[in-house]
Amino acid sequence: MTAFDGVAPCFSFTPRFYEIDGQGVMFNMWYLAYADEAVDAFFVERGLPYKDWQGMGFDVHVVHVELDFAAGVKNRDLTEVLVSPSRIGGKSFTLDFAFRRDGDVTCTGRIVYATVSTEGHGTIALPARLVEALGEVRG
């Protein structure tokens, strides 16, 4: 059993030609761009779109990223990204993600986010609404 069992994809994409390197697979940097798109979709699905965060007085900073590759995503591969909360702390949280093509996981990773005040007061406790949107920790 994995942290992604029963998790529905929250974002799908097909890599564009310019995202593919000379080896025929997607450049490493694009994985993080698509992970960011998936995280945005994750919060939209949970009723807390990023565009609302500043008005609520908070934002997040990425403080750590991990990527583990199992296979390459190639040009024109329909690819899904799954996102699952794996840790909710006092001032930070972690989202795990997986890229999947034809049912096979090609890349997994995690991003740790620290919650910060939009008023320049540094890190702050996770707002209750953000904790609610993150939902249940899996895995």
C-alpha atoms as a PDB file:
ATOM      1  CA  MET A   1       0.000   0.000   0.000  1.00  0.00           C
ATOM      2  CA  THR A   2       1.246   3.512  -0.812  1.00  0.00           C
ATOM      3  CA  ALA A   3       0.318   7.069   0.153  1.00  0.00           C
ATOM      4  CA  PHE A   4      -1.325   7.359  -3.270  1.00  0.00           C
ATOM      5  CA  ASP A   5      -3.733   4.406  -3.061  1.00  0.00           C
ATOM      6  CA  GLY A   6      -7.196   5.841  -3.642  1.00  0.00           C
ATOM      7  CA  VAL A   7      -5.863   9.328  -4.475  1.00  0.00           C
ATOM      8  CA  ALA A   8      -7.389  10.774  -7.627  1.00  0.00           C
ATOM      9  CA  PRO A   9      -5.185  12.803  -9.969  1.00  0.00           C
ATOM     10  CA  CYS A  10      -5.708  16.516  -9.485  1.00  0.00           C
ATOM     11  CA  PHE A  11      -3.864  17.640 -12.621  1.00  0.00           C
ATOM     12  CA  SER A  12      -3.173  16.136 -16.046  1.00  0.00           C
ATOM     13  CA  PHE A  13      -0.911  17.357 -18.816  1.00  0.00           C
ATOM     14  CA  THR A  14       0.833  16.361 -22.018  1.00  0.00           C
ATOM     15  CA  PRO A  15       4.439  17.574 -22.278  1.00  0.00           C
ATOM     16  CA  ARG A  16       5.155  19.969 -25.091  1.00  0.00           C
ATOM     17  CA  PHE A  17       8.003  19.494 -27.559  1.00  0.00           C
ATOM     18  CA  TYR A  18      10.212  22.172 -25.991  1.00  0.00           C
ATOM     19  CA  GLU A  19       9.967  20.466 -22.577  1.00  0.00           C
ATOM     20  CA  ILE A  20      11.702  17.360 -23.946  1.00  0.00           C
ATOM     21  CA  ASP A  21      15.492  17.003 -23.866  1.00  0.00           C
ATOM     22  CA  GLY A  22      17.869  15.323 -26.304  1.00  0.00           C
ATOM     23  CA  GLN A  23      17.327  11.955 -24.592  1.00  0.00           C
ATOM     24  CA  GLY A  24      13.633  12.146 -25.438  1.00  0.00           C
ATOM     25  CA  VAL A  25      12.359  12.681 -21.883  1.00  0.00           C
ATOM     26  CA  MET A  26      11.004  15.717 -20.045  1.00  0.00           C
ATOM     27  CA  PHE A  27      13.659  18.075 -18.627  1.00  0.00           C
ATOM     28  CA  ASN A  28      13.996  17.721 -14.829  1.00  0.00           C
ATOM     29  CA  MET A  29      12.941  21.324 -14.149  1.00  0.00           C
ATOM     30  CA  TRP A  30       9.507  20.791 -15.693  1.00  0.00           C
ATOM     31  CA  TYR A  31       8.584  18.245 -13.020  1.00  0.00           C
ATOM     32  CA  LEU A  32       8.583  21.005 -10.409  1.00  0.00           C
ATOM     33  CA  ALA A  33       6.590  23.328 -12.678  1.00  0.00           C
ATOM     34  CA  TYR A  34       3.936  20.666 -13.135  1.00  0.00           C
ATOM     35  CA  ALA A  35       4.030  19.785  -9.419  1.00  0.00           C
ATOM     36  CA  ASP A  36       3.265  23.469  -8.753  1.00  0.00           C
ATOM     37  CA  GLU A  37       0.311  23.335 -11.167  1.00  0.00           C
ATOM     38  CA  ALA A  38      -0.945  20.198  -9.418  1.00  0.00           C
ATOM     39  CA  VAL A  39      -0.646  21.787  -5.959  1.00  0.00           C
ATOM     40  CA  ASP A  40      -2.646  24.773  -7.217  1.00  0.00           C
ATOM     41  CA  ALA A  41      -5.347  22.403  -8.538  1.00  0.00           C
ATOM     42  CA  PHE A  42      -5.243  20.451  -5.248  1.00  0.00           C
ATOM     43  CA  PHE A  43      -6.159  23.558  -3.255  1.00  0.00           C
ATOM     44  CA  VAL A  44      -8.779  24.705  -5.778  1.00  0.00           C
ATOM     45  CA  GLU A  45     -10.468  21.286  -5.456  1.00  0.00           C
ATOM     46  CA  ARG A  46     -10.475  21.744  -1.673  1.00  0.00           C
ATOM     47  CA  GLY A  47     -12.096  25.173  -1.809  1.00  0.00           C
ATOM     48  CA  LEU A  48      -9.018  27.242  -0.951  1.00  0.00           C
ATOM     49  CA  PRO A  49      -7.563  28.655  -4.195  1.00  0.00           C
ATOM     50  CA  TYR A  50      -4.164  30.299  -3.939  1.00  0.00           C
ATOM     51  CA  LYS A  51      -5.596  33.636  -5.118  1.00  0.00           C
ATOM     52  CA  ASP A  52      -7.445  33.882  -1.762  1.00  0.00           C
ATOM     53  CA  TRP A  53      -4.447  33.295   0.497  1.00  0.00           C
ATOM     54  CA  GLN A  54      -3.019  36.821   0.546  1.00  0.00           C
ATOM     55  CA  GLY A  55      -6.364  38.261   1.591  1.00  0.00           C
ATOM     56  CA  MET A  56      -6.344  35.788   4.482  1.00  0.00           C
ATOM     57  CA  GLY A  57      -2.918  37.065   5.578  1.00  0.00           C
ATOM     58  CA  PHE A  58      -0.713  34.116   4.659  1.00  0.00           C
ATOM     59  CA  ASP A  59       1.395  32.582   1.936  1.00  0.00           C
ATOM     60  CA  VAL A  60       3.888  29.712   1.788  1.00  0.00           C
ATOM     61  CA  HIS A  61       7.560  29.381   0.937  1.00  0.00           C
ATOM     62  CA  VAL A  62       9.115  26.209  -0.421  1.00  0.00           C
ATOM     63  CA  VAL A  63      11.823  25.090   2.012  1.00  0.00           C
ATOM     64  CA  HIS A  64      12.638  21.597   0.709  1.00  0.00           C
ATOM     65  CA  VAL A  65      12.060  19.554  -2.444  1.00  0.00           C
ATOM     66  CA  GLU A  66      12.790  15.911  -3.274  1.00  0.00           C
ATOM     67  CA  LEU A  67      12.407  14.165  -6.639  1.00  0.00           C
ATOM     68  CA  ASP A  68      12.922  10.463  -7.334  1.00  0.00           C
ATOM     69  CA  PHE A  69      12.770   9.284 -10.938  1.00  0.00           C
ATOM     70  CA  ALA A  70      11.721   5.794 -12.014  1.00  0.00           C
ATOM     71  CA  ALA A  71      11.112   6.442 -15.729  1.00  0.00           C
ATOM     72  CA  GLY A  72      10.972   9.391 -18.074  1.00  0.00           C
ATOM     73  CA  VAL A  73       7.880  11.211 -19.265  1.00  0.00           C
ATOM     74  CA  LYS A  74       8.164  11.514 -23.038  1.00  0.00           C
ATOM     75  CA  ASN A  75       6.785  13.846 -25.685  1.00  0.00           C
ATOM     76  CA  ARG A  76       3.010  13.554 -25.989  1.00  0.00           C
ATOM     77  CA  ASP A  77       2.634  11.237 -22.949  1.00  0.00           C
ATOM     78  CA  LEU A  78      -0.639  11.931 -21.162  1.00  0.00           C
ATOM     79  CA  THR A  79       0.576  12.324 -17.584  1.00  0.00           C
ATOM     80  CA  GLU A  80      -1.333  12.633 -14.316  1.00  0.00           C
ATOM     81  CA  VAL A  81      -0.102  14.206 -11.106  1.00  0.00           C
ATOM     82  CA  LEU A  82      -1.396  13.009  -7.755  1.00  0.00           C
ATOM     83  CA  VAL A  83      -0.969  15.077  -4.575  1.00  0.00           C
ATOM     84  CA  SER A  84      -1.281  13.786  -1.030  1.00  0.00           C
ATOM     85  CA  PRO A  85      -0.608  15.564   2.291  1.00  0.00           C
ATOM     86  CA  SER A  86       1.981  13.582   4.257  1.00  0.00           C
ATOM     87  CA  ARG A  87       2.694  15.887   7.206  1.00  0.00           C
ATOM     88  CA  ILE A  88       0.982  18.820   8.869  1.00  0.00           C
ATOM     89  CA  GLY A  89       3.109  20.604  11.451  1.00  0.00           C
ATOM     90  CA  GLY A  90       2.743  23.777  13.462  1.00  0.00           C
ATOM     91  CA  LYS A  91       4.221  26.177  10.884  1.00  0.00           C
ATOM     92  CA  SER A  92       4.825  23.936   7.882  1.00  0.00           C
ATOM     93  CA  PHE A  93       3.345  21.075   5.907  1.00  0.00           C
ATOM     94  CA  THR A  94       4.514  18.498   3.377  1.00  0.00           C
ATOM     95  CA  LEU A  95       2.802  17.422   0.179  1.00  0.00           C
ATOM     96  CA  ASP A  96       3.867  14.225  -1.554  1.00  0.00           C
ATOM     97  CA  PHE A  97       3.261  13.889  -5.263  1.00  0.00           C
ATOM     98  CA  ALA A  98       3.507  11.265  -7.985  1.00  0.00           C
ATOM     99  CA  PHE A  99       3.620  11.543 -11.755  1.00  0.00           C
ATOM    100  CA  ARG A 100       1.794   8.695 -13.458  1.00  0.00           C
ATOM    101  CA  ARG A 101       1.700   7.641 -17.108  1.00  0.00           C
ATOM    102  CA  ASP A 102      -0.505   4.765 -18.281  1.00  0.00           C
ATOM    103  CA  GLY A 103      -0.952   3.711 -14.658  1.00  0.00           C
ATOM    104  CA  ASP A 104       2.801   3.541 -13.974  1.00  0.00           C
ATOM    105  CA  VAL A 105       4.491   5.962 -11.581  1.00  0.00           C
ATOM    106  CA  THR A 106       7.376   7.715 -13.334  1.00  0.00           C
ATOM    107  CA  CYS A 107       8.455  10.140 -10.610  1.00  0.00           C
ATOM    108  CA  THR A 108       7.659  10.740  -6.951  1.00  0.00           C
ATOM    109  CA  GLY A 109       8.596  13.593  -4.708  1.00  0.00           C
ATOM    110  CA  ARG A 110       7.725  15.850  -1.860  1.00  0.00           C
ATOM    111  CA  ILE A 111       7.647  19.538  -1.174  1.00  0.00           C
ATOM    112  CA  VAL A 112       7.859  21.077   2.287  1.00  0.00           C
ATOM    113  CA  TYR A 113       6.174  24.466   2.649  1.00  0.00           C
ATOM    114  CA  ALA A 114       6.604  26.946   5.520  1.00  0.00           C
ATOM    115  CA  THR A 115       3.661  29.241   6.192  1.00  0.00           C
ATOM    116  CA  VAL A 116       4.519  32.941   6.293  1.00  0.00           C
ATOM    117  CA  SER A 117       2.686  36.153   7.057  1.00  0.00           C
ATOM    118  CA  THR A 118       1.931  38.437   4.127  1.00  0.00           C
ATOM    119  CA  GLU A 119       2.599  41.344   6.508  1.00  0.00           C
ATOM    120  CA  GLY A 120       6.307  40.550   6.795  1.00  0.00           C
ATOM    121  CA  HIS A 121       6.250  38.877  10.204  1.00  0.00           C
ATOM    122  CA  GLY A 122       8.091  35.694   9.175  1.00  0.00           C
ATOM    123  CA  THR A 123       6.713  32.220   9.704  1.00  0.00           C
ATOM    124  CA  ILE A 124       3.343  31.808  11.330  1.00  0.00           C
ATOM    125  CA  ALA A 125       1.201  28.981  12.616  1.00  0.00           C
ATOM    126  CA  LEU A 126      -0.761  27.171   9.934  1.00  0.00           C
ATOM    127  CA  PRO A 127      -4.119  28.930   9.571  1.00  0.00           C
ATOM    128  CA  ALA A 128      -7.086  26.725  10.497  1.00  0.00           C
ATOM    129  CA  ARG A 129      -8.574  27.127   7.013  1.00  0.00           C
ATOM    130  CA  LEU A 130      -5.346  25.829   5.438  1.00  0.00           C
ATOM    131  CA  VAL A 131      -5.251  22.848   7.799  1.00  0.00           C
ATOM    132  CA  GLU A 132      -8.872  22.107   6.883  1.00  0.00           C
ATOM    133  CA  ALA A 133      -8.071  22.280   3.166  1.00  0.00           C
ATOM    134  CA  LEU A 134      -5.056  19.985   3.546  1.00  0.00           C
ATOM    135  CA  GLY A 135      -7.320  17.320   4.951  1.00  0.00           C
ATOM    136  CA  GLU A 136      -6.205  13.913   6.119  1.00  0.00           C
ATOM    137  CA  VAL A 137      -2.541  12.970   6.182  1.00  0.00           C
ATOM    138  CA  ARG A 138      -1.913   9.826   4.171  1.00  0.00           C
ATOM    139  CA  GLY A 139       0.860   7.252   4.100  1.00  0.00           C
END
